[in-house]
Amino acid sequence: MKTVILAAILAVFSTCAHASNCAPRDMVISRLTEKYGESQQIIGLTSDQRLLEVFGSAETGTWTILITGPRAESCVVSVGREFQNIQDALPPEGDPA
């Protein structure tokens, strides 16, 4: 499930690689926290060594995908509603599921 989510995120990123909604990372995160109640939910590195983060809030239902470059400038790649944090358990070792 998480692989599918990350693949979808990377697909969105590839179509929005030149996002214009960029600002210093600390400013973006402050706004997400204060205005939308969002917190970091997923983190990873892209193939070109940029930081990919998904912020979300179960209370407000909003989510935001950020990409941050080496100069700590974050760009909002996508936003949405109906955020849900689903924790799929891994199948036991040897289970083909």
N, C-alpha and C. Protein backbone atom coordinates (compact mmCIF):
# COMPACT_ATOMS: atom_id res chain seq x y z
N MET A 1 0.82 -1.20 0.00
CA MET A 1 0.00 0.00 0.00
C MET A 1 0.87 1.26 0.00
N LYS A 2 1.89 1.30 0.88
CA LYS A 2 2.75 2.48 0.94
C LYS A 2 3.51 2.68 -0.36
N THR A 3 3.89 1.57 -1.04
CA THR A 3 4.57 1.68 -2.32
C THR A 3 3.67 2.35 -3.35
N VAL A 4 2.40 1.99 -3.34
CA VAL A 4 1.44 2.59 -4.26
C VAL A 4 1.29 4.07 -3.98
N ILE A 5 1.21 4.43 -2.69
CA ILE A 5 1.09 5.84 -2.32
C ILE A 5 2.31 6.63 -2.76
N LEU A 6 3.51 6.10 -2.50
CA LEU A 6 4.72 6.81 -2.89
C LEU A 6 4.83 6.91 -4.41
N ALA A 7 4.41 5.87 -5.13
CA ALA A 7 4.44 5.94 -6.60
C ALA A 7 3.50 7.04 -7.09
N ALA A 8 2.33 7.14 -6.47
CA ALA A 8 1.37 8.19 -6.85
C ALA A 8 1.95 9.57 -6.56
N ILE A 9 2.60 9.71 -5.41
CA ILE A 9 3.21 10.99 -5.03
C ILE A 9 4.28 11.36 -6.04
N LEU A 10 5.12 10.41 -6.41
CA LEU A 10 6.18 10.71 -7.37
C LEU A 10 5.61 11.05 -8.74
N ALA A 11 4.50 10.43 -9.11
CA ALA A 11 3.86 10.77 -10.38
C ALA A 11 3.36 12.20 -10.36
N VAL A 12 2.75 12.60 -9.24
CA VAL A 12 2.29 13.98 -9.10
C VAL A 12 3.48 14.92 -9.16
N PHE A 13 4.56 14.56 -8.46
CA PHE A 13 5.75 15.41 -8.46
C PHE A 13 6.31 15.58 -9.86
N SER A 14 6.37 14.49 -10.62
CA SER A 14 6.96 14.59 -11.96
C SER A 14 6.18 15.52 -12.87
N THR A 15 4.87 15.64 -12.64
CA THR A 15 4.08 16.55 -13.46
C THR A 15 4.13 17.99 -12.94
N CYS A 16 4.62 18.17 -11.72
CA CYS A 16 4.65 19.49 -11.10
C CYS A 16 6.07 19.88 -10.70
N ALA A 17 7.03 19.44 -11.45
CA ALA A 17 8.43 19.64 -11.06
C ALA A 17 8.81 21.11 -10.96
N HIS A 18 8.09 21.97 -11.63
CA HIS A 18 8.41 23.39 -11.61
C HIS A 18 7.37 24.19 -10.83
N ALA A 19 7.03 23.67 -9.65
CA ALA A 19 6.01 24.34 -8.82
C ALA A 19 6.46 25.74 -8.47
N SER A 20 5.52 26.67 -8.46
CA SER A 20 5.86 28.06 -8.16
C SER A 20 5.50 28.43 -6.72
N ASN A 21 4.92 27.51 -5.97
CA ASN A 21 4.54 27.77 -4.58
C ASN A 21 5.68 27.38 -3.66
N CYS A 22 6.76 28.14 -3.69
CA CYS A 22 7.96 27.80 -2.93
C CYS A 22 8.31 28.90 -1.93
N ALA A 23 8.89 28.48 -0.81
CA ALA A 23 9.33 29.40 0.24
C ALA A 23 10.31 28.65 1.13
N PRO A 24 11.01 29.35 2.03
CA PRO A 24 11.89 28.65 2.97
C PRO A 24 11.11 27.59 3.74
N ARG A 25 11.73 26.42 3.93
CA ARG A 25 11.06 25.27 4.54
C ARG A 25 10.43 25.61 5.88
N ASP A 26 11.14 26.32 6.74
CA ASP A 26 10.59 26.62 8.07
C ASP A 26 9.32 27.45 7.99
N MET A 27 9.24 28.35 7.01
CA MET A 27 8.03 29.16 6.83
C MET A 27 6.85 28.31 6.36
N VAL A 28 7.13 27.40 5.43
CA VAL A 28 6.08 26.54 4.89
C VAL A 28 5.53 25.65 5.99
N ILE A 29 6.42 25.03 6.76
CA ILE A 29 5.99 24.12 7.83
C ILE A 29 5.23 24.87 8.92
N SER A 30 5.67 26.07 9.25
CA SER A 30 4.94 26.87 10.24
C SER A 30 3.52 27.14 9.78
N ARG A 31 3.36 27.47 8.53
CA ARG A 31 2.02 27.74 7.99
C ARG A 31 1.16 26.48 8.00
N LEU A 32 1.73 25.36 7.60
CA LEU A 32 0.97 24.11 7.60
C LEU A 32 0.52 23.74 9.01
N THR A 33 1.39 23.95 9.96
CA THR A 33 1.09 23.61 11.35
C THR A 33 0.05 24.56 11.94
N GLU A 34 0.30 25.86 11.79
CA GLU A 34 -0.56 26.85 12.43
C GLU A 34 -1.92 27.01 11.75
N LYS A 35 -1.95 27.04 10.43
CA LYS A 35 -3.20 27.30 9.72
C LYS A 35 -4.05 26.04 9.51
N TYR A 36 -3.38 24.90 9.25
CA TYR A 36 -4.11 23.69 8.89
C TYR A 36 -3.98 22.57 9.92
N GLY A 37 -3.14 22.73 10.93
CA GLY A 37 -2.96 21.69 11.94
C GLY A 37 -2.27 20.45 11.40
N GLU A 38 -1.55 20.59 10.31
CA GLU A 38 -0.90 19.44 9.67
C GLU A 38 0.45 19.14 10.32
N SER A 39 0.80 17.86 10.34
CA SER A 39 2.11 17.43 10.83
C SER A 39 2.69 16.44 9.82
N GLN A 40 3.98 16.24 9.91
CA GLN A 40 4.68 15.35 8.99
C GLN A 40 4.19 13.91 9.17
N GLN A 41 3.82 13.28 8.05
CA GLN A 41 3.30 11.91 8.07
C GLN A 41 4.20 10.93 7.34
N ILE A 42 4.80 11.38 6.24
CA ILE A 42 5.67 10.53 5.41
C ILE A 42 6.89 11.36 5.01
N ILE A 43 8.04 10.70 4.97
CA ILE A 43 9.27 11.37 4.54
C ILE A 43 10.09 10.41 3.70
N GLY A 44 10.78 10.93 2.69
CA GLY A 44 11.64 10.11 1.86
C GLY A 44 12.51 10.98 0.97
N LEU A 45 13.46 10.35 0.30
CA LEU A 45 14.31 11.05 -0.65
C LEU A 45 13.93 10.67 -2.07
N THR A 46 13.88 11.66 -2.94
CA THR A 46 13.61 11.39 -4.35
C THR A 46 14.89 10.90 -5.01
N SER A 47 14.78 10.42 -6.23
CA SER A 47 15.95 9.92 -6.94
C SER A 47 16.98 11.01 -7.20
N ASP A 48 16.55 12.27 -7.21
CA ASP A 48 17.51 13.37 -7.40
C ASP A 48 17.88 14.04 -6.07
N GLN A 49 17.72 13.29 -4.98
CA GLN A 49 18.18 13.69 -3.64
C GLN A 49 17.46 14.90 -3.06
N ARG A 50 16.20 15.06 -3.39
CA ARG A 50 15.38 16.08 -2.75
C ARG A 50 14.51 15.40 -1.70
N LEU A 51 14.15 16.17 -0.69
CA LEU A 51 13.33 15.65 0.40
C LEU A 51 11.86 15.72 0.00
N LEU A 52 11.17 14.59 0.08
CA LEU A 52 9.74 14.52 -0.20
C LEU A 52 9.04 14.31 1.15
N GLU A 53 8.05 15.15 1.44
CA GLU A 53 7.32 15.03 2.69
C GLU A 53 5.82 15.14 2.43
N VAL A 54 5.07 14.36 3.18
CA VAL A 54 3.62 14.48 3.17
C VAL A 54 3.21 14.91 4.57
N PHE A 55 2.50 16.02 4.63
CA PHE A 55 1.94 16.52 5.89
C PHE A 55 0.45 16.28 5.84
N GLY A 56 -0.16 16.02 6.99
CA GLY A 56 -1.59 15.81 7.00
C GLY A 56 -2.17 16.02 8.39
N SER A 57 -3.47 16.18 8.44
CA SER A 57 -4.18 16.35 9.71
C SER A 57 -5.47 15.53 9.69
N ALA A 58 -5.59 14.60 10.63
CA ALA A 58 -6.82 13.83 10.77
C ALA A 58 -7.97 14.74 11.23
N GLU A 59 -7.65 15.79 11.98
CA GLU A 59 -8.68 16.70 12.49
C GLU A 59 -9.28 17.58 11.39
N THR A 60 -8.41 18.21 10.59
CA THR A 60 -8.92 19.09 9.54
C THR A 60 -9.18 18.34 8.24
N GLY A 61 -8.55 17.17 8.10
CA GLY A 61 -8.70 16.37 6.89
C GLY A 61 -7.86 16.84 5.72
N THR A 62 -7.01 17.84 5.92
CA THR A 62 -6.19 18.36 4.82
C THR A 62 -4.85 17.64 4.76
N TRP A 63 -4.24 17.67 3.56
CA TRP A 63 -2.90 17.13 3.37
C TRP A 63 -2.15 17.99 2.36
N THR A 64 -0.80 17.93 2.47
CA THR A 64 0.07 18.71 1.60
C THR A 64 1.30 17.88 1.27
N ILE A 65 1.72 17.91 0.01
CA ILE A 65 2.97 17.26 -0.40
C ILE A 65 3.99 18.35 -0.68
N LEU A 66 5.16 18.22 -0.04
CA LEU A 66 6.26 19.17 -0.22
C LEU A 66 7.47 18.48 -0.83
N ILE A 67 8.22 19.23 -1.62
CA ILE A 67 9.54 18.82 -2.08
C ILE A 67 10.50 19.91 -1.64
N THR A 68 11.58 19.50 -0.98
CA THR A 68 12.57 20.46 -0.48
C THR A 68 13.92 20.17 -1.10
N GLY A 69 14.55 21.21 -1.65
CA GLY A 69 15.87 21.08 -2.27
C GLY A 69 16.98 21.31 -1.28
N PRO A 70 18.21 21.24 -1.74
CA PRO A 70 19.38 21.36 -0.86
C PRO A 70 19.54 22.73 -0.20
N ARG A 71 18.88 23.74 -0.71
CA ARG A 71 18.97 25.08 -0.11
C ARG A 71 17.82 25.36 0.86
N ALA A 72 17.12 24.29 1.28
CA ALA A 72 16.02 24.36 2.25
C ALA A 72 14.85 25.21 1.76
N GLU A 73 14.64 25.24 0.45
CA GLU A 73 13.45 25.88 -0.10
C GLU A 73 12.46 24.77 -0.42
N SER A 74 11.26 24.88 0.16
CA SER A 74 10.22 23.87 -0.04
C SER A 74 9.20 24.37 -1.04
N CYS A 75 8.76 23.46 -1.89
CA CYS A 75 7.72 23.77 -2.87
C CYS A 75 6.51 22.88 -2.59
N VAL A 76 5.36 23.50 -2.57
CA VAL A 76 4.12 22.76 -2.41
C VAL A 76 3.79 22.15 -3.77
N VAL A 77 3.75 20.82 -3.82
CA VAL A 77 3.52 20.10 -5.07
C VAL A 77 2.04 19.82 -5.26
N SER A 78 1.36 19.49 -4.16
CA SER A 78 -0.06 19.19 -4.25
C SER A 78 -0.69 19.33 -2.87
N VAL A 79 -1.98 19.62 -2.85
CA VAL A 79 -2.75 19.71 -1.60
C VAL A 79 -4.08 19.00 -1.81
N GLY A 80 -4.73 18.65 -0.70
CA GLY A 80 -6.02 18.00 -0.86
C GLY A 80 -6.76 17.86 0.45
N ARG A 81 -7.87 17.11 0.39
CA ARG A 81 -8.75 16.90 1.53
C ARG A 81 -8.92 15.41 1.77
N GLU A 82 -9.66 15.10 2.84
CA GLU A 82 -9.98 13.72 3.20
C GLU A 82 -8.74 12.91 3.59
N PHE A 83 -7.80 13.53 4.30
CA PHE A 83 -6.60 12.83 4.75
C PHE A 83 -6.96 11.73 5.73
N GLN A 84 -6.37 10.56 5.55
CA GLN A 84 -6.50 9.44 6.47
C GLN A 84 -5.14 8.80 6.63
N ASN A 85 -4.76 8.52 7.85
CA ASN A 85 -3.49 7.85 8.12
C ASN A 85 -3.78 6.37 8.32
N ILE A 86 -3.43 5.56 7.33
CA ILE A 86 -3.68 4.13 7.37
C ILE A 86 -2.36 3.41 7.59
N GLN A 87 -2.31 2.61 8.62
CA GLN A 87 -1.11 1.85 8.94
C GLN A 87 -1.35 0.39 8.58
N ASP A 88 -0.97 -0.02 7.38
CA ASP A 88 -1.10 -1.42 6.99
C ASP A 88 -0.02 -2.23 7.67
N ALA A 89 -0.41 -3.32 8.30
CA ALA A 89 0.56 -4.22 8.90
C ALA A 89 1.22 -5.04 7.80
N LEU A 90 2.50 -5.30 7.96
CA LEU A 90 3.20 -6.14 7.00
C LEU A 90 2.77 -7.58 7.21
N PRO A 91 2.65 -8.35 6.10
CA PRO A 91 2.29 -9.76 6.28
C PRO A 91 3.46 -10.51 6.92
N PRO A 92 3.18 -11.59 7.62
CA PRO A 92 4.26 -12.38 8.22
C PRO A 92 5.22 -12.86 7.16
N GLU A 93 6.49 -13.06 7.53
CA GLU A 93 7.48 -13.54 6.58
C GLU A 93 7.04 -14.87 6.02
N GLY A 94 7.23 -15.06 4.72
CA GLY A 94 6.84 -16.28 4.06
C GLY A 94 5.40 -16.27 3.58
N ASP A 95 4.62 -15.29 3.99
CA ASP A 95 3.22 -15.18 3.56
C ASP A 95 3.21 -14.51 2.19
N PRO A 96 2.67 -15.15 1.16
CA PRO A 96 2.72 -14.58 -0.18
C PRO A 96 1.82 -13.37 -0.39
N ALA A 97 1.03 -13.00 0.60
CA ALA A 97 0.12 -11.86 0.48
C ALA A 97 0.92 -10.66 0.35
